[in-house]
Amino acid sequence: MKRLFRMVILVAWLTTTGWLVRYEAYPHLFTKTVAGYQSMAFATAALSTELGATFLDIRQRNPAAIVSGFGGTLNPVLCLAFMLLSIMPFPTIFHVFYRQQGVMPAAQFQQMLRFATVWLIVLTAITTIVPLAIGRYSLSRREY
């Protein structure tokens, strides 16, 4: 048991050390990555809030029935679609660049990376603002 604990501590230490070295080498990249993840978390939370407000059933007392309803089923599907649409441009660009290193110039790689970043910002903004507006409208129409 003591040996397992030491191995866990060693792996955690090595992981943290590698993370700190990467942070020291690329501090702006780390900040941008964390900001991207945070904005995507806000977008999925807004999407879940909108679906909860739109498909609200106050009379239902069973939580399992609420989750297995239409809004509960639609929520993971839309969240996964958002994640795929927001994440997939980046590995695709890196795969094409490193796979065809002699074919794609660095300027084109940087331009594609900027386009993917703008795509992420626009998609996240739309996925955050539009569902919250729809959810607010849906709640304002209801009579309690």
N, C-alpha and C. Protein backbone atom coordinates (compact mmCIF):
# COMPACT_ATOMS: atom_id res chain seq x y z
N MET A 1 0.83 -1.20 0.00
CA MET A 1 0.00 0.00 0.00
C MET A 1 0.87 1.25 0.00
N LYS A 2 1.94 1.19 0.77
CA LYS A 2 2.85 2.33 0.85
C LYS A 2 3.52 2.58 -0.50
N ARG A 3 3.84 1.49 -1.18
CA ARG A 3 4.48 1.61 -2.49
C ARG A 3 3.52 2.24 -3.51
N LEU A 4 2.26 1.85 -3.48
CA LEU A 4 1.26 2.41 -4.38
C LEU A 4 1.11 3.91 -4.13
N PHE A 5 1.07 4.28 -2.85
CA PHE A 5 0.97 5.70 -2.50
C PHE A 5 2.16 6.48 -3.04
N ARG A 6 3.35 5.92 -2.92
CA ARG A 6 4.55 6.59 -3.43
C ARG A 6 4.49 6.74 -4.95
N MET A 7 3.97 5.71 -5.63
CA MET A 7 3.87 5.78 -7.09
C MET A 7 2.87 6.87 -7.50
N VAL A 8 1.77 6.98 -6.79
CA VAL A 8 0.78 8.00 -7.10
C VAL A 8 1.37 9.38 -6.89
N ILE A 9 2.08 9.57 -5.80
CA ILE A 9 2.73 10.86 -5.52
C ILE A 9 3.77 11.17 -6.59
N LEU A 10 4.55 10.18 -7.00
CA LEU A 10 5.57 10.40 -8.03
C LEU A 10 4.94 10.78 -9.37
N VAL A 11 3.89 10.08 -9.77
CA VAL A 11 3.23 10.40 -11.03
C VAL A 11 2.61 11.80 -10.97
N ALA A 12 1.98 12.15 -9.85
CA ALA A 12 1.41 13.49 -9.71
C ALA A 12 2.50 14.55 -9.76
N TRP A 13 3.62 14.30 -9.13
CA TRP A 13 4.73 15.26 -9.14
C TRP A 13 5.29 15.44 -10.54
N LEU A 14 5.49 14.33 -11.25
CA LEU A 14 6.02 14.42 -12.62
C LEU A 14 5.04 15.15 -13.55
N THR A 15 3.76 14.88 -13.38
CA THR A 15 2.76 15.56 -14.20
C THR A 15 2.76 17.05 -13.92
N THR A 16 2.82 17.42 -12.66
CA THR A 16 2.83 18.83 -12.28
C THR A 16 4.09 19.51 -12.78
N THR A 17 5.22 18.84 -12.70
CA THR A 17 6.47 19.42 -13.17
C THR A 17 6.40 19.68 -14.67
N GLY A 18 5.90 18.72 -15.41
CA GLY A 18 5.76 18.91 -16.86
C GLY A 18 4.81 20.05 -17.18
N TRP A 19 3.74 20.17 -16.40
CA TRP A 19 2.77 21.24 -16.61
C TRP A 19 3.41 22.59 -16.35
N LEU A 20 4.20 22.70 -15.30
CA LEU A 20 4.85 23.97 -14.97
C LEU A 20 5.89 24.35 -16.02
N VAL A 21 6.61 23.37 -16.54
CA VAL A 21 7.59 23.67 -17.58
C VAL A 21 6.88 24.19 -18.82
N ARG A 22 5.78 23.56 -19.19
CA ARG A 22 5.02 24.05 -20.34
C ARG A 22 4.45 25.43 -20.07
N TYR A 23 4.04 25.69 -18.84
CA TYR A 23 3.49 27.00 -18.51
C TYR A 23 4.57 28.07 -18.59
N GLU A 24 5.77 27.75 -18.14
CA GLU A 24 6.86 28.71 -18.20
C GLU A 24 7.28 28.97 -19.64
N ALA A 25 7.22 27.96 -20.49
CA ALA A 25 7.63 28.13 -21.88
C ALA A 25 6.59 28.89 -22.70
N TYR A 26 5.31 28.63 -22.44
CA TYR A 26 4.24 29.24 -23.23
C TYR A 26 3.15 29.80 -22.30
N PRO A 27 3.42 30.90 -21.60
CA PRO A 27 2.42 31.39 -20.64
C PRO A 27 1.15 31.90 -21.31
N HIS A 28 1.25 32.51 -22.48
CA HIS A 28 0.06 33.05 -23.14
C HIS A 28 -0.81 31.92 -23.70
N LEU A 29 -0.17 30.87 -24.18
CA LEU A 29 -0.93 29.73 -24.68
C LEU A 29 -1.73 29.08 -23.55
N PHE A 30 -1.13 28.98 -22.38
CA PHE A 30 -1.82 28.41 -21.23
C PHE A 30 -3.04 29.26 -20.86
N THR A 31 -2.88 30.58 -20.84
CA THR A 31 -3.97 31.48 -20.49
C THR A 31 -5.10 31.39 -21.51
N LYS A 32 -4.74 31.35 -22.79
CA LYS A 32 -5.76 31.25 -23.84
C LYS A 32 -6.51 29.92 -23.76
N THR A 33 -5.79 28.85 -23.46
CA THR A 33 -6.42 27.54 -23.35
C THR A 33 -7.40 27.50 -22.19
N VAL A 34 -7.00 28.03 -21.05
CA VAL A 34 -7.89 28.06 -19.89
C VAL A 34 -9.11 28.94 -20.17
N ALA A 35 -8.92 30.07 -20.82
CA ALA A 35 -10.05 30.94 -21.17
C ALA A 35 -11.00 30.24 -22.13
N GLY A 36 -10.47 29.49 -23.08
CA GLY A 36 -11.31 28.74 -24.01
C GLY A 36 -12.13 27.68 -23.30
N TYR A 37 -11.50 26.95 -22.38
CA TYR A 37 -12.24 25.93 -21.63
C TYR A 37 -13.31 26.55 -20.74
N GLN A 38 -13.01 27.67 -20.13
CA GLN A 38 -14.00 28.33 -19.28
C GLN A 38 -15.19 28.82 -20.09
N SER A 39 -14.92 29.41 -21.24
CA SER A 39 -16.02 29.89 -22.07
C SER A 39 -16.87 28.73 -22.60
N MET A 40 -16.24 27.60 -22.90
CA MET A 40 -17.00 26.44 -23.34
C MET A 40 -17.84 25.88 -22.19
N ALA A 41 -17.33 25.96 -20.97
CA ALA A 41 -18.12 25.52 -19.82
C ALA A 41 -19.34 26.43 -19.63
N PHE A 42 -19.16 27.74 -19.80
CA PHE A 42 -20.29 28.66 -19.71
C PHE A 42 -21.32 28.36 -20.80
N ALA A 43 -20.85 28.04 -21.99
CA ALA A 43 -21.77 27.77 -23.11
C ALA A 43 -22.59 26.51 -22.85
N THR A 44 -21.95 25.44 -22.34
CA THR A 44 -22.71 24.23 -22.05
C THR A 44 -23.67 24.44 -20.89
N ALA A 45 -23.27 25.25 -19.91
CA ALA A 45 -24.19 25.57 -18.81
C ALA A 45 -25.37 26.38 -19.31
N ALA A 46 -25.13 27.32 -20.21
CA ALA A 46 -26.23 28.11 -20.78
C ALA A 46 -27.16 27.22 -21.60
N LEU A 47 -26.60 26.29 -22.34
CA LEU A 47 -27.41 25.37 -23.13
C LEU A 47 -28.28 24.50 -22.23
N SER A 48 -27.72 24.01 -21.14
CA SER A 48 -28.48 23.19 -20.19
C SER A 48 -29.56 24.01 -19.50
N THR A 49 -29.24 25.25 -19.16
CA THR A 49 -30.23 26.13 -18.53
C THR A 49 -31.39 26.40 -19.46
N GLU A 50 -31.08 26.66 -20.73
CA GLU A 50 -32.15 26.93 -21.71
C GLU A 50 -33.04 25.73 -21.88
N LEU A 51 -32.47 24.55 -22.00
CA LEU A 51 -33.29 23.36 -22.18
C LEU A 51 -34.13 23.08 -20.94
N GLY A 52 -33.58 23.35 -19.76
CA GLY A 52 -34.35 23.19 -18.53
C GLY A 52 -35.49 24.18 -18.44
N ALA A 53 -35.28 25.40 -18.91
CA ALA A 53 -36.34 26.41 -18.87
C ALA A 53 -37.39 26.16 -19.95
N THR A 54 -36.98 25.68 -21.10
CA THR A 54 -37.91 25.46 -22.19
C THR A 54 -38.79 24.24 -21.94
N PHE A 55 -38.21 23.16 -21.47
CA PHE A 55 -38.96 21.92 -21.25
C PHE A 55 -39.26 21.71 -19.78
N LEU A 56 -39.64 22.76 -19.10
CA LEU A 56 -39.94 22.73 -17.67
C LEU A 56 -41.29 22.07 -17.41
N ASP A 57 -41.31 21.12 -16.50
CA ASP A 57 -42.55 20.47 -16.10
C ASP A 57 -42.59 20.47 -14.57
N ILE A 58 -43.30 21.42 -14.00
CA ILE A 58 -43.32 21.58 -12.56
C ILE A 58 -44.13 20.48 -11.88
N ARG A 59 -45.08 19.90 -12.57
CA ARG A 59 -45.93 18.86 -11.98
C ARG A 59 -45.20 17.54 -11.79
N GLN A 60 -44.13 17.33 -12.53
CA GLN A 60 -43.40 16.07 -12.44
C GLN A 60 -42.57 16.05 -11.15
N ARG A 61 -42.73 15.03 -10.34
CA ARG A 61 -42.01 14.91 -9.06
C ARG A 61 -40.86 13.90 -9.12
N ASN A 62 -40.84 13.07 -10.13
CA ASN A 62 -39.81 12.04 -10.25
C ASN A 62 -38.62 12.60 -11.03
N PRO A 63 -37.44 12.73 -10.40
CA PRO A 63 -36.28 13.27 -11.12
C PRO A 63 -35.84 12.41 -12.30
N ALA A 64 -36.03 11.12 -12.22
CA ALA A 64 -35.65 10.24 -13.33
C ALA A 64 -36.51 10.52 -14.56
N ALA A 65 -37.76 10.83 -14.35
CA ALA A 65 -38.63 11.15 -15.48
C ALA A 65 -38.26 12.48 -16.11
N ILE A 66 -37.78 13.41 -15.29
CA ILE A 66 -37.35 14.70 -15.82
C ILE A 66 -36.12 14.54 -16.70
N VAL A 67 -35.16 13.77 -16.21
CA VAL A 67 -33.92 13.58 -16.96
C VAL A 67 -34.15 12.78 -18.24
N SER A 68 -35.03 11.81 -18.18
CA SER A 68 -35.26 10.98 -19.37
C SER A 68 -36.29 11.58 -20.31
N GLY A 69 -36.77 12.78 -20.02
CA GLY A 69 -37.71 13.45 -20.92
C GLY A 69 -37.00 13.99 -22.15
N PHE A 70 -37.74 14.74 -22.96
CA PHE A 70 -37.19 15.25 -24.21
C PHE A 70 -36.03 16.22 -23.98
N GLY A 71 -36.18 17.15 -23.03
CA GLY A 71 -35.11 18.10 -22.74
C GLY A 71 -33.88 17.44 -22.16
N GLY A 72 -34.08 16.43 -21.30
CA GLY A 72 -32.94 15.71 -20.72
C GLY A 72 -32.20 14.87 -21.74
N THR A 73 -32.90 14.40 -22.75
CA THR A 73 -32.26 13.63 -23.81
C THR A 73 -31.58 14.54 -24.82
N LEU A 74 -32.20 15.67 -25.09
CA LEU A 74 -31.65 16.61 -26.06
C LEU A 74 -30.40 17.33 -25.52
N ASN A 75 -30.32 17.49 -24.21
CA ASN A 75 -29.20 18.22 -23.60
C ASN A 75 -27.84 17.59 -23.92
N PRO A 76 -27.59 16.30 -23.64
CA PRO A 76 -26.26 15.76 -23.97
C PRO A 76 -25.98 15.73 -25.47
N VAL A 77 -27.01 15.55 -26.27
CA VAL A 77 -26.80 15.53 -27.72
C VAL A 77 -26.31 16.89 -28.20
N LEU A 78 -26.99 17.96 -27.77
CA LEU A 78 -26.58 19.30 -28.20
C LEU A 78 -25.23 19.71 -27.59
N CYS A 79 -24.98 19.32 -26.34
CA CYS A 79 -23.68 19.64 -25.73
C CYS A 79 -22.54 18.93 -26.45
N LEU A 80 -22.75 17.67 -26.81
CA LEU A 80 -21.71 16.95 -27.56
C LEU A 80 -21.51 17.53 -28.95
N ALA A 81 -22.59 17.94 -29.58
CA ALA A 81 -22.46 18.57 -30.90
C ALA A 81 -21.68 19.88 -30.78
N PHE A 82 -21.96 20.66 -29.75
CA PHE A 82 -21.21 21.89 -29.53
C PHE A 82 -19.73 21.59 -29.30
N MET A 83 -19.44 20.60 -28.46
CA MET A 83 -18.04 20.25 -28.19
C MET A 83 -17.32 19.81 -29.47
N LEU A 84 -17.98 18.99 -30.27
CA LEU A 84 -17.35 18.55 -31.52
C LEU A 84 -17.10 19.72 -32.46
N LEU A 85 -18.08 20.59 -32.61
CA LEU A 85 -17.92 21.72 -33.53
C LEU A 85 -16.89 22.73 -33.03
N SER A 86 -16.69 22.82 -31.73
CA SER A 86 -15.74 23.79 -31.22
C SER A 86 -14.32 23.24 -31.11
N ILE A 87 -14.18 21.95 -30.89
CA ILE A 87 -12.84 21.39 -30.67
C ILE A 87 -12.21 20.86 -31.95
N MET A 88 -12.99 20.25 -32.83
CA MET A 88 -12.44 19.54 -33.99
C MET A 88 -11.64 20.38 -34.99
N PRO A 89 -11.89 21.67 -35.17
CA PRO A 89 -11.03 22.40 -36.11
C PRO A 89 -9.55 22.43 -35.71
N PHE A 90 -9.27 22.48 -34.42
CA PHE A 90 -7.88 22.59 -33.99
C PHE A 90 -7.06 21.33 -34.25
N PRO A 91 -7.52 20.13 -33.86
CA PRO A 91 -6.71 18.95 -34.20
C PRO A 91 -6.64 18.69 -35.70
N THR A 92 -7.68 19.09 -36.42
CA THR A 92 -7.64 18.91 -37.88
C THR A 92 -6.55 19.77 -38.49
N ILE A 93 -6.46 21.01 -38.06
CA ILE A 93 -5.43 21.91 -38.58
C ILE A 93 -4.04 21.40 -38.22
N PHE A 94 -3.85 20.99 -36.97
CA PHE A 94 -2.54 20.49 -36.56
C PHE A 94 -2.19 19.20 -37.29
N HIS A 95 -3.16 18.34 -37.50
CA HIS A 95 -2.90 17.10 -38.22
C HIS A 95 -2.47 17.38 -39.65
N VAL A 96 -3.18 18.27 -40.32
CA VAL A 96 -2.84 18.60 -41.70
C VAL A 96 -1.46 19.25 -41.77
N PHE A 97 -1.16 20.14 -40.82
CA PHE A 97 0.13 20.83 -40.85
C PHE A 97 1.29 19.88 -40.61
N TYR A 98 1.18 19.03 -39.60
CA TYR A 98 2.30 18.14 -39.28
C TYR A 98 2.37 16.93 -40.20
N ARG A 99 1.26 16.55 -40.78
CA ARG A 99 1.25 15.42 -41.72
C ARG A 99 1.85 15.85 -43.05
N GLN A 100 1.56 17.07 -43.47
CA GLN A 100 2.06 17.59 -44.73
C GLN A 100 3.00 18.77 -44.44
N GLN A 101 4.02 18.52 -43.69
CA GLN A 101 4.88 19.59 -43.24
C GLN A 101 5.57 20.33 -44.40
N GLY A 102 5.89 19.62 -45.43
CA GLY A 102 6.54 20.29 -46.54
C GLY A 102 5.57 20.98 -47.48
N VAL A 103 4.30 20.68 -47.39
CA VAL A 103 3.33 21.21 -48.33
C VAL A 103 2.67 22.50 -47.82
N MET A 104 2.27 22.52 -46.57
CA MET A 104 1.56 23.69 -46.03
C MET A 104 2.55 24.69 -45.46
N PRO A 105 2.56 25.92 -45.96
CA PRO A 105 3.45 26.93 -45.40
C PRO A 105 3.00 27.36 -44.00
N ALA A 106 3.94 27.88 -43.24
CA ALA A 106 3.65 28.30 -41.86
C ALA A 106 2.65 29.44 -41.82
N ALA A 107 2.68 30.33 -42.81
CA ALA A 107 1.73 31.45 -42.83
C ALA A 107 0.30 30.94 -43.01
N GLN A 108 0.12 29.93 -43.85
CA GLN A 108 -1.21 29.37 -44.03
C GLN A 108 -1.68 28.66 -42.76
N PHE A 109 -0.75 27.98 -42.07
CA PHE A 109 -1.07 27.33 -40.81
C PHE A 109 -1.55 28.36 -39.78
N GLN A 110 -0.84 29.48 -39.68
CA GLN A 110 -1.23 30.51 -38.72
C GLN A 110 -2.57 31.14 -39.10
N GLN A 111 -2.82 31.31 -40.38
CA GLN A 111 -4.09 31.85 -40.83
C GLN A 111 -5.24 30.89 -40.50
N MET A 112 -5.04 29.61 -40.72
CA MET A 112 -6.06 28.63 -40.39
C MET A 112 -6.29 28.57 -38.88
N LEU A 113 -5.23 28.72 -38.11
CA LEU A 113 -5.35 28.71 -36.65
C LEU A 113 -6.13 29.94 -36.17
N ARG A 114 -5.90 31.08 -36.78
CA ARG A 114 -6.68 32.28 -36.44
C ARG A 114 -8.15 32.10 -36.80
N PHE A 115 -8.41 31.51 -37.96
CA PHE A 115 -9.79 31.25 -38.37
C PHE A 115 -10.48 30.31 -37.38
N ALA A 116 -9.78 29.27 -36.94
CA ALA A 116 -10.36 28.34 -35.97
C ALA A 116 -10.62 29.04 -34.63
N THR A 117 -9.76 29.95 -34.24
CA THR A 117 -9.95 30.69 -32.99
C THR A 117 -11.17 31.60 -33.10
N VAL A 118 -11.31 32.29 -34.21
CA VAL A 118 -12.49 33.14 -34.42
C VAL A 118 -13.75 32.28 -34.46
N TRP A 119 -13.67 31.12 -35.11
CA TRP A 119 -14.80 30.19 -35.14
C TRP A 119 -15.20 29.79 -33.72
N LEU A 120 -14.22 29.48 -32.87
CA LEU A 120 -14.50 29.09 -31.49
C LEU A 120 -15.15 30.24 -30.72
N ILE A 121 -14.66 31.45 -30.90
CA ILE A 121 -15.22 32.60 -30.19
C ILE A 121 -16.66 32.86 -30.63
N VAL A 122 -16.91 32.85 -31.93
CA VAL A 122 -18.26 33.11 -32.44
C VAL A 122 -19.23 32.00 -32.02
N LEU A 123 -18.82 30.75 -32.18
CA LEU A 123 -19.68 29.63 -31.81
C LEU A 123 -19.99 29.63 -30.32
N THR A 124 -19.00 29.93 -29.49
CA THR A 124 -19.23 29.97 -28.04
C THR A 124 -20.13 31.13 -27.66
N ALA A 125 -19.96 32.28 -28.30
CA ALA A 125 -20.82 33.43 -28.01
C ALA A 125 -22.27 33.13 -28.40
N ILE A 126 -22.45 32.53 -29.56
CA ILE A 126 -23.81 32.20 -30.00
C ILE A 126 -24.42 31.15 -29.08
N THR A 127 -23.63 30.14 -28.71
CA THR A 127 -24.14 29.08 -27.86
C THR A 127 -24.39 29.55 -26.43
N THR A 128 -23.81 30.65 -26.04
CA THR A 128 -24.05 31.18 -24.69
C THR A 128 -25.22 32.15 -24.69
N ILE A 129 -25.25 33.08 -25.62
CA ILE A 129 -26.23 34.17 -25.59
C ILE A 129 -27.61 33.72 -26.07
N VAL A 130 -27.68 33.02 -27.18
CA VAL A 130 -28.97 32.63 -27.75
C VAL A 130 -29.76 31.71 -26.81
N PRO A 131 -29.17 30.64 -26.25
CA PRO A 131 -29.97 29.81 -25.35
C PRO A 131 -30.46 30.55 -24.10
N LEU A 132 -29.65 31.44 -23.56
CA LEU A 132 -30.11 32.20 -22.39
C LEU A 132 -31.27 33.11 -22.75
N ALA A 133 -31.25 33.70 -23.93
CA ALA A 133 -32.36 34.54 -24.36
C ALA A 133 -33.62 33.71 -24.58
N ILE A 134 -33.48 32.53 -25.18
CA ILE A 134 -34.63 31.65 -25.40
C ILE A 134 -35.20 31.18 -24.06
N GLY A 135 -34.33 30.80 -23.14
CA GLY A 135 -34.78 30.37 -21.83
C GLY A 135 -35.48 31.47 -21.06
N ARG A 136 -34.97 32.68 -21.15
CA ARG A 136 -35.61 33.82 -20.48
C ARG A 136 -37.00 34.07 -21.08
N TYR A 137 -37.09 34.02 -22.39
CA TYR A 137 -38.38 34.22 -23.06
C TYR A 137 -39.36 33.11 -22.66
N SER A 138 -38.88 31.88 -22.60
CA SER A 138 -39.74 30.76 -22.24
C SER A 138 -40.26 30.89 -20.81
N LEU A 139 -39.40 31.31 -19.89
CA LEU A 139 -39.83 31.49 -18.50
C LEU A 139 -40.77 32.68 -18.34
N SER A 140 -40.60 33.73 -19.15
CA SER A 140 -41.47 34.89 -19.02
C SER A 140 -42.88 34.62 -19.55
N ARG A 141 -43.04 33.67 -20.45
CA ARG A 141 -44.36 33.33 -20.99
C ARG A 141 -45.18 32.46 -20.05
N ARG A 142 -44.54 31.76 -19.16
CA ARG A 142 -45.24 30.79 -18.30
C ARG A 142 -46.00 31.49 -17.17
N GLU A 143 -47.06 30.86 -16.77
CA GLU A 143 -47.81 31.32 -15.60
C GLU A 143 -47.62 30.30 -14.49
N TYR A 144 -47.24 30.76 -13.34
CA TYR A 144 -46.96 29.84 -12.23
C TYR A 144 -48.05 29.86 -11.20
